[in-house]
Amino acid sequence: MTGLDYDARMAALWILHGAACVKLLKSHGRLLHAENFEAALREFTDIIADEVGHDTLTEAMNWAAGQVAVDPGMADQPPASIH
């Protein structure tokens, strides 16, 4: 994996995280904040796509989506300790 691919993958994870934040804001009635966050996320995504290339970012987004896919069997397990 090249440095560009790594950067694209890390950005893709942040984009997915941002999208989750937008959903959370919307679900709690913070529509103005959600709209602003979403607009900033679109700008961020455009900048990253210009830097790494649209195809590379698309591949990275597909990779990231696979990384954060929820395994139904994991739902009953406690989170790992961060210490």
PDB file of N, CA and C in Angstrom:
ATOM      1  N   MET A   1       0.860  -1.171   0.000  1.00  0.00           N
ATOM      2  CA  MET A   1       0.000   0.000   0.000  1.00  0.00           C
ATOM      3  C   MET A   1       0.903   1.229   0.000  1.00  0.00           C
ATOM      4  N   THR A   2       0.555   2.164  -0.848  1.00  0.00           N
ATOM      5  CA  THR A   2       1.323   3.403  -0.924  1.00  0.00           C
ATOM      6  C   THR A   2       0.869   4.379   0.153  1.00  0.00           C
ATOM      7  N   GLY A   3       1.667   5.400   0.375  1.00  0.00           N
ATOM      8  CA  GLY A   3       1.291   6.435   1.330  1.00  0.00           C
ATOM      9  C   GLY A   3      -0.003   7.118   0.936  1.00  0.00           C
ATOM     10  N   LEU A   4      -0.212   7.268  -0.362  1.00  0.00           N
ATOM     11  CA  LEU A   4      -1.433   7.889  -0.863  1.00  0.00           C
ATOM     12  C   LEU A   4      -2.654   7.031  -0.523  1.00  0.00           C
ATOM     13  N   ASP A   5      -2.516   5.710  -0.701  1.00  0.00           N
ATOM     14  CA  ASP A   5      -3.611   4.797  -0.358  1.00  0.00           C
ATOM     15  C   ASP A   5      -3.904   4.846   1.139  1.00  0.00           C
ATOM     16  N   TYR A   6      -2.850   4.865   1.948  1.00  0.00           N
ATOM     17  CA  TYR A   6      -3.017   4.939   3.396  1.00  0.00           C
ATOM     18  C   TYR A   6      -3.743   6.225   3.775  1.00  0.00           C
ATOM     19  N   ASP A   7      -3.301   7.345   3.225  1.00  0.00           N
ATOM     20  CA  ASP A   7      -3.947   8.628   3.507  1.00  0.00           C
ATOM     21  C   ASP A   7      -5.417   8.605   3.106  1.00  0.00           C
ATOM     22  N   ALA A   8      -5.697   8.026   1.944  1.00  0.00           N
ATOM     23  CA  ALA A   8      -7.081   7.945   1.472  1.00  0.00           C
ATOM     24  C   ALA A   8      -7.915   7.083   2.408  1.00  0.00           C
ATOM     25  N   ARG A   9      -7.355   5.984   2.884  1.00  0.00           N
ATOM     26  CA  ARG A   9      -8.099   5.104   3.792  1.00  0.00           C
ATOM     27  C   ARG A   9      -8.378   5.794   5.124  1.00  0.00           C
ATOM     28  N   MET A  10      -7.400   6.500   5.640  1.00  0.00           N
ATOM     29  CA  MET A  10      -7.618   7.201   6.907  1.00  0.00           C
ATOM     30  C   MET A  10      -8.664   8.301   6.732  1.00  0.00           C
ATOM     31  N   ALA A  11      -8.596   9.019   5.630  1.00  0.00           N
ATOM     32  CA  ALA A  11      -9.597  10.059   5.359  1.00  0.00           C
ATOM     33  C   ALA A  11     -10.979   9.437   5.212  1.00  0.00           C
ATOM     34  N   ALA A  12     -11.052   8.281   4.563  1.00  0.00           N
ATOM     35  CA  ALA A  12     -12.342   7.603   4.376  1.00  0.00           C
ATOM     36  C   ALA A  12     -12.954   7.227   5.717  1.00  0.00           C
ATOM     37  N   LEU A  13     -12.141   6.750   6.642  1.00  0.00           N
ATOM     38  CA  LEU A  13     -12.665   6.435   7.975  1.00  0.00           C
ATOM     39  C   LEU A  13     -13.210   7.690   8.649  1.00  0.00           C
ATOM     40  N   TRP A  14     -12.523   8.805   8.507  1.00  0.00           N
ATOM     41  CA  TRP A  14     -12.993  10.066   9.089  1.00  0.00           C
ATOM     42  C   TRP A  14     -14.267  10.542   8.411  1.00  0.00           C
ATOM     43  N   ILE A  15     -14.378  10.327   7.110  1.00  0.00           N
ATOM     44  CA  ILE A  15     -15.599  10.712   6.395  1.00  0.00           C
ATOM     45  C   ILE A  15     -16.784   9.904   6.920  1.00  0.00           C
ATOM     46  N   LEU A  16     -16.588   8.605   7.100  1.00  0.00           N
ATOM     47  CA  LEU A  16     -17.666   7.771   7.646  1.00  0.00           C
ATOM     48  C   LEU A  16     -18.001   8.190   9.071  1.00  0.00           C
ATOM     49  N   HIS A  17     -16.996   8.530   9.841  1.00  0.00           N
ATOM     50  CA  HIS A  17     -17.231   9.013  11.204  1.00  0.00           C
ATOM     51  C   HIS A  17     -18.038  10.303  11.163  1.00  0.00           C
ATOM     52  N   GLY A  18     -17.682  11.205  10.263  1.00  0.00           N
ATOM     53  CA  GLY A  18     -18.421  12.461  10.119  1.00  0.00           C
ATOM     54  C   GLY A  18     -19.864  12.224   9.731  1.00  0.00           C
ATOM     55  N   ALA A  19     -20.081  11.276   8.830  1.00  0.00           N
ATOM     56  CA  ALA A  19     -21.450  10.961   8.412  1.00  0.00           C
ATOM     57  C   ALA A  19     -22.258  10.430   9.594  1.00  0.00           C
ATOM     58  N   ALA A  20     -21.620   9.643  10.452  1.00  0.00           N
ATOM     59  CA  ALA A  20     -22.313   9.140  11.645  1.00  0.00           C
ATOM     60  C   ALA A  20     -22.651  10.295  12.588  1.00  0.00           C
ATOM     61  N   CYS A  21     -21.746  11.259  12.685  1.00  0.00           N
ATOM     62  CA  CYS A  21     -22.017  12.435  13.526  1.00  0.00           C
ATOM     63  C   CYS A  21     -23.203  13.225  12.985  1.00  0.00           C
ATOM     64  N   VAL A  22     -23.282  13.368  11.674  1.00  0.00           N
ATOM     65  CA  VAL A  22     -24.410  14.066  11.060  1.00  0.00           C
ATOM     66  C   VAL A  22     -25.715  13.345  11.404  1.00  0.00           C
ATOM     67  N   LYS A  23     -25.724  12.019  11.291  1.00  0.00           N
ATOM     68  CA  LYS A  23     -26.928  11.240  11.625  1.00  0.00           C
ATOM     69  C   LYS A  23     -27.331  11.449  13.080  1.00  0.00           C
ATOM     70  N   LEU A  24     -26.351  11.461  13.963  1.00  0.00           N
ATOM     71  CA  LEU A  24     -26.641  11.655  15.373  1.00  0.00           C
ATOM     72  C   LEU A  24     -27.257  13.029  15.621  1.00  0.00           C
ATOM     73  N   LEU A  25     -26.665  14.052  15.019  1.00  0.00           N
ATOM     74  CA  LEU A  25     -27.206  15.400  15.173  1.00  0.00           C
ATOM     75  C   LEU A  25     -28.645  15.473  14.655  1.00  0.00           C
ATOM     76  N   LYS A  26     -28.885  14.893  13.487  1.00  0.00           N
ATOM     77  CA  LYS A  26     -30.232  14.920  12.917  1.00  0.00           C
ATOM     78  C   LYS A  26     -31.223  14.183  13.807  1.00  0.00           C
ATOM     79  N   SER A  27     -30.805  13.036  14.329  1.00  0.00           N
ATOM     80  CA  SER A  27     -31.726  12.232  15.132  1.00  0.00           C
ATOM     81  C   SER A  27     -32.083  12.898  16.457  1.00  0.00           C
ATOM     82  N   HIS A  28     -31.307  13.894  16.842  1.00  0.00           N
ATOM     83  CA  HIS A  28     -31.584  14.615  18.085  1.00  0.00           C
ATOM     84  C   HIS A  28     -32.080  16.034  17.822  1.00  0.00           C
ATOM     85  N   GLY A  29     -32.543  16.253  16.605  1.00  0.00           N
ATOM     86  CA  GLY A  29     -33.173  17.522  16.282  1.00  0.00           C
ATOM     87  C   GLY A  29     -32.236  18.698  16.116  1.00  0.00           C
ATOM     88  N   ARG A  30     -30.954  18.447  16.012  1.00  0.00           N
ATOM     89  CA  ARG A  30     -29.982  19.531  15.818  1.00  0.00           C
ATOM     90  C   ARG A  30     -29.751  19.742  14.323  1.00  0.00           C
ATOM     91  N   LEU A  31     -30.811  20.101  13.609  1.00  0.00           N
ATOM     92  CA  LEU A  31     -30.771  20.147  12.143  1.00  0.00           C
ATOM     93  C   LEU A  31     -29.801  21.192  11.606  1.00  0.00           C
ATOM     94  N   LEU A  32     -29.763  22.356  12.199  1.00  0.00           N
ATOM     95  CA  LEU A  32     -28.850  23.396  11.720  1.00  0.00           C
ATOM     96  C   LEU A  32     -27.399  22.929  11.846  1.00  0.00           C
ATOM     97  N   HIS A  33     -27.068  22.352  12.988  1.00  0.00           N
ATOM     98  CA  HIS A  33     -25.712  21.845  13.177  1.00  0.00           C
ATOM     99  C   HIS A  33     -25.415  20.702  12.204  1.00  0.00           C
ATOM    100  N   ALA A  34     -26.403  19.839  12.006  1.00  0.00           N
ATOM    101  CA  ALA A  34     -26.227  18.722  11.083  1.00  0.00           C
ATOM    102  C   ALA A  34     -25.978  19.225   9.660  1.00  0.00           C
ATOM    103  N   GLU A  35     -26.735  20.218   9.245  1.00  0.00           N
ATOM    104  CA  GLU A  35     -26.566  20.769   7.895  1.00  0.00           C
ATOM    105  C   GLU A  35     -25.185  21.404   7.737  1.00  0.00           C
ATOM    106  N   ASN A  36     -24.745  22.132   8.747  1.00  0.00           N
ATOM    107  CA  ASN A  36     -23.418  22.756   8.690  1.00  0.00           C
ATOM    108  C   ASN A  36     -22.309  21.713   8.667  1.00  0.00           C
ATOM    109  N   PHE A  37     -22.464  20.696   9.509  1.00  0.00           N
ATOM    110  CA  PHE A  37     -21.478  19.613   9.562  1.00  0.00           C
ATOM    111  C   PHE A  37     -21.428  18.893   8.224  1.00  0.00           C
ATOM    112  N   GLU A  38     -22.604  18.628   7.666  1.00  0.00           N
ATOM    113  CA  GLU A  38     -22.692  17.927   6.386  1.00  0.00           C
ATOM    114  C   GLU A  38     -22.044  18.737   5.266  1.00  0.00           C
ATOM    115  N   ALA A  39     -22.255  20.046   5.265  1.00  0.00           N
ATOM    116  CA  ALA A  39     -21.638  20.908   4.256  1.00  0.00           C
ATOM    117  C   ALA A  39     -20.117  20.887   4.392  1.00  0.00           C
ATOM    118  N   ALA A  40     -19.634  20.954   5.623  1.00  0.00           N
ATOM    119  CA  ALA A  40     -18.190  20.903   5.849  1.00  0.00           C
ATOM    120  C   ALA A  40     -17.626  19.547   5.428  1.00  0.00           C
ATOM    121  N   LEU A  41     -18.365  18.489   5.693  1.00  0.00           N
ATOM    122  CA  LEU A  41     -17.932  17.146   5.317  1.00  0.00           C
ATOM    123  C   LEU A  41     -17.839  17.006   3.791  1.00  0.00           C
ATOM    124  N   ARG A  42     -18.794  17.599   3.079  1.00  0.00           N
ATOM    125  CA  ARG A  42     -18.731  17.583   1.606  1.00  0.00           C
ATOM    126  C   ARG A  42     -17.486  18.312   1.112  1.00  0.00           C
ATOM    127  N   GLU A  43     -17.189  19.455   1.706  1.00  0.00           N
ATOM    128  CA  GLU A  43     -15.993  20.215   1.314  1.00  0.00           C
ATOM    129  C   GLU A  43     -14.728  19.412   1.606  1.00  0.00           C
ATOM    130  N   PHE A  44     -14.680  18.808   2.788  1.00  0.00           N
ATOM    131  CA  PHE A  44     -13.546  17.967   3.169  1.00  0.00           C
ATOM    132  C   PHE A  44     -13.366  16.841   2.154  1.00  0.00           C
ATOM    133  N   THR A  45     -14.469  16.177   1.802  1.00  0.00           N
ATOM    134  CA  THR A  45     -14.422  15.065   0.858  1.00  0.00           C
ATOM    135  C   THR A  45     -13.918  15.530  -0.504  1.00  0.00           C
ATOM    136  N   ASP A  46     -14.379  16.686  -0.958  1.00  0.00           N
ATOM    137  CA  ASP A  46     -13.915  17.232  -2.238  1.00  0.00           C
ATOM    138  C   ASP A  46     -12.414  17.508  -2.213  1.00  0.00           C
ATOM    139  N   ILE A  47     -11.933  18.073  -1.117  1.00  0.00           N
ATOM    140  CA  ILE A  47     -10.505  18.372  -0.994  1.00  0.00           C
ATOM    141  C   ILE A  47      -9.689  17.090  -1.027  1.00  0.00           C
ATOM    142  N   ILE A  48     -10.121  16.090  -0.262  1.00  0.00           N
ATOM    143  CA  ILE A  48      -9.404  14.811  -0.228  1.00  0.00           C
ATOM    144  C   ILE A  48      -9.417  14.157  -1.608  1.00  0.00           C
ATOM    145  N   ALA A  49     -10.562  14.168  -2.279  1.00  0.00           N
ATOM    146  CA  ALA A  49     -10.661  13.576  -3.621  1.00  0.00           C
ATOM    147  C   ALA A  49      -9.722  14.276  -4.590  1.00  0.00           C
ATOM    148  N   ASP A  50      -9.615  15.592  -4.481  1.00  0.00           N
ATOM    149  CA  ASP A  50      -8.683  16.328  -5.340  1.00  0.00           C
ATOM    150  C   ASP A  50      -7.235  15.955  -5.035  1.00  0.00           C
ATOM    151  N   GLU A  51      -6.941  15.685  -3.773  1.00  0.00           N
ATOM    152  CA  GLU A  51      -5.567  15.350  -3.364  1.00  0.00           C
ATOM    153  C   GLU A  51      -5.157  13.939  -3.769  1.00  0.00           C
ATOM    154  N   VAL A  52      -6.037  12.964  -3.519  1.00  0.00           N
ATOM    155  CA  VAL A  52      -5.657  11.567  -3.741  1.00  0.00           C
ATOM    156  C   VAL A  52      -6.224  10.985  -5.026  1.00  0.00           C
ATOM    157  N   GLY A  53      -7.197  11.666  -5.616  1.00  0.00           N
ATOM    158  CA  GLY A  53      -7.866  11.170  -6.817  1.00  0.00           C
ATOM    159  C   GLY A  53      -9.205  10.554  -6.452  1.00  0.00           C
ATOM    160  N   HIS A  54     -10.176  10.779  -7.312  1.00  0.00           N
ATOM    161  CA  HIS A  54     -11.539  10.304  -7.040  1.00  0.00           C
ATOM    162  C   HIS A  54     -11.604   8.780  -6.980  1.00  0.00           C
ATOM    163  N   ASP A  55     -10.904   8.100  -7.883  1.00  0.00           N
ATOM    164  CA  ASP A  55     -10.932   6.630  -7.879  1.00  0.00           C
ATOM    165  C   ASP A  55     -10.296   6.071  -6.613  1.00  0.00           C
ATOM    166  N   THR A  56      -9.185   6.660  -6.197  1.00  0.00           N
ATOM    167  CA  THR A  56      -8.509   6.202  -4.983  1.00  0.00           C
ATOM    168  C   THR A  56      -9.397   6.413  -3.770  1.00  0.00           C
ATOM    169  N   LEU A  57     -10.069   7.566  -3.702  1.00  0.00           N
ATOM    170  CA  LEU A  57     -10.955   7.813  -2.571  1.00  0.00           C
ATOM    171  C   LEU A  57     -12.151   6.865  -2.601  1.00  0.00           C
ATOM    172  N   THR A  58     -12.691   6.587  -3.773  1.00  0.00           N
ATOM    173  CA  THR A  58     -13.802   5.642  -3.879  1.00  0.00           C
ATOM    174  C   THR A  58     -13.382   4.269  -3.372  1.00  0.00           C
ATOM    175  N   GLU A  59     -12.210   3.803  -3.777  1.00  0.00           N
ATOM    176  CA  GLU A  59     -11.704   2.519  -3.302  1.00  0.00           C
ATOM    177  C   GLU A  59     -11.513   2.546  -1.788  1.00  0.00           C
ATOM    178  N   ALA A  60     -10.993   3.651  -1.285  1.00  0.00           N
ATOM    179  CA  ALA A  60     -10.776   3.783   0.153  1.00  0.00           C
ATOM    180  C   ALA A  60     -12.103   3.799   0.912  1.00  0.00           C
ATOM    181  N   MET A  61     -13.116   4.443   0.360  1.00  0.00           N
ATOM    182  CA  MET A  61     -14.431   4.475   1.004  1.00  0.00           C
ATOM    183  C   MET A  61     -15.024   3.075   1.056  1.00  0.00           C
ATOM    184  N   ASN A  62     -14.856   2.310  -0.012  1.00  0.00           N
ATOM    185  CA  ASN A  62     -15.333   0.926  -0.024  1.00  0.00           C
ATOM    186  C   ASN A  62     -14.607   0.098   1.025  1.00  0.00           C
ATOM    187  N   TRP A  63     -13.282   0.294   1.135  1.00  0.00           N
ATOM    188  CA  TRP A  63     -12.498  -0.405   2.143  1.00  0.00           C
ATOM    189  C   TRP A  63     -12.986  -0.024   3.542  1.00  0.00           C
ATOM    190  N   ALA A  64     -13.159   1.275   3.791  1.00  0.00           N
ATOM    191  CA  ALA A  64     -13.568   1.764   5.106  1.00  0.00           C
ATOM    192  C   ALA A  64     -14.940   1.229   5.487  1.00  0.00           C
ATOM    193  N   ALA A  65     -15.849   1.190   4.532  1.00  0.00           N
ATOM    194  CA  ALA A  65     -17.186   0.671   4.811  1.00  0.00           C
ATOM    195  C   ALA A  65     -17.099  -0.785   5.259  1.00  0.00           C
ATOM    196  N   GLY A  66     -16.204  -1.533   4.670  1.00  0.00           N
ATOM    197  CA  GLY A  66     -16.001  -2.920   5.078  1.00  0.00           C
ATOM    198  C   GLY A  66     -15.396  -3.035   6.468  1.00  0.00           C
ATOM    199  N   GLN A  67     -14.579  -2.074   6.837  1.00  0.00           N
ATOM    200  CA  GLN A  67     -13.937  -2.102   8.149  1.00  0.00           C
ATOM    201  C   GLN A  67     -14.907  -1.805   9.277  1.00  0.00           C
ATOM    202  N   VAL A  68     -15.894  -0.981   9.011  1.00  0.00           N
ATOM    203  CA  VAL A  68     -16.813  -0.576  10.074  1.00  0.00           C
ATOM    204  C   VAL A  68     -18.133  -1.338  10.037  1.00  0.00           C
ATOM    205  N   ALA A  69     -18.242  -2.288   9.115  1.00  0.00           N
ATOM    206  CA  ALA A  69     -19.463  -3.090   9.053  1.00  0.00           C
ATOM    207  C   ALA A  69     -19.645  -3.815  10.377  1.00  0.00           C
ATOM    208  N   VAL A  70     -20.854  -3.794  10.876  1.00  0.00           N
ATOM    209  CA  VAL A  70     -21.140  -4.389  12.171  1.00  0.00           C
ATOM    210  C   VAL A  70     -21.321  -5.885  12.025  1.00  0.00           C
ATOM    211  N   ASP A  71     -20.609  -6.612  12.857  1.00  0.00           N
ATOM    212  CA  ASP A  71     -20.764  -8.062  12.940  1.00  0.00           C
ATOM    213  C   ASP A  71     -21.848  -8.334  13.977  1.00  0.00           C
ATOM    214  N   PRO A  72     -23.001  -8.895  13.581  1.00  0.00           N
ATOM    215  CA  PRO A  72     -24.095  -9.110  14.530  1.00  0.00           C
ATOM    216  C   PRO A  72     -23.674  -9.908  15.767  1.00  0.00           C
ATOM    217  N   GLY A  73     -22.696 -10.773  15.648  1.00  0.00           N
ATOM    218  CA  GLY A  73     -22.236 -11.562  16.772  1.00  0.00           C
ATOM    219  C   GLY A  73     -21.463 -10.754  17.796  1.00  0.00           C
ATOM    220  N   MET A  74     -21.022  -9.575  17.414  1.00  0.00           N
ATOM    221  CA  MET A  74     -20.240  -8.729  18.312  1.00  0.00           C
ATOM    222  C   MET A  74     -21.125  -7.856  19.195  1.00  0.00           C
ATOM    223  N   ALA A  75     -22.396  -7.778  18.917  1.00  0.00           N
ATOM    224  CA  ALA A  75     -23.278  -6.863  19.632  1.00  0.00           C
ATOM    225  C   ALA A  75     -23.372  -7.171  21.120  1.00  0.00           C
ATOM    226  N   ASP A  76     -23.240  -8.433  21.498  1.00  0.00           N
ATOM    227  CA  ASP A  76     -23.379  -8.823  22.902  1.00  0.00           C
ATOM    228  C   ASP A  76     -22.067  -8.775  23.672  1.00  0.00           C
ATOM    229  N   GLN A  77     -20.962  -8.484  22.979  1.00  0.00           N
ATOM    230  CA  GLN A  77     -19.664  -8.477  23.638  1.00  0.00           C
ATOM    231  C   GLN A  77     -19.327  -7.089  24.158  1.00  0.00           C
ATOM    232  N   PRO A  78     -18.730  -7.007  25.353  1.00  0.00           N
ATOM    233  CA  PRO A  78     -18.334  -5.690  25.858  1.00  0.00           C
ATOM    234  C   PRO A  78     -17.169  -5.140  25.045  1.00  0.00           C
ATOM    235  N   PRO A  79     -17.015  -3.827  25.002  1.00  0.00           N
ATOM    236  CA  PRO A  79     -15.896  -3.252  24.270  1.00  0.00           C
ATOM    237  C   PRO A  79     -14.570  -3.630  24.924  1.00  0.00           C
ATOM    238  N   ALA A  80     -13.529  -3.683  24.124  1.00  0.00           N
ATOM    239  CA  ALA A  80     -12.200  -3.977  24.649  1.00  0.00           C
ATOM    240  C   ALA A  80     -11.722  -2.810  25.497  1.00  0.00           C
ATOM    241  N   SER A  81     -10.914  -3.107  26.481  1.00  0.00           N
ATOM    242  CA  SER A  81     -10.360  -2.067  27.347  1.00  0.00           C
ATOM    243  C   SER A  81      -9.398  -1.199  26.545  1.00  0.00           C
ATOM    244  N   ILE A  82      -9.385   0.090  26.817  1.00  0.00           N
ATOM    245  CA  ILE A  82      -8.462   0.980  26.123  1.00  0.00           C
ATOM    246  C   ILE A  82      -7.215   1.236  26.956  1.00  0.00           C
ATOM    247  N   HIS A  83      -7.085   0.558  28.086  1.00  0.00           N
ATOM    248  CA  HIS A  83      -5.930   0.769  28.959  1.00  0.00           C
ATOM    249  C   HIS A  83      -4.870  -0.277  28.728  1.00  0.00           C
TER     250      HIS A  83
END
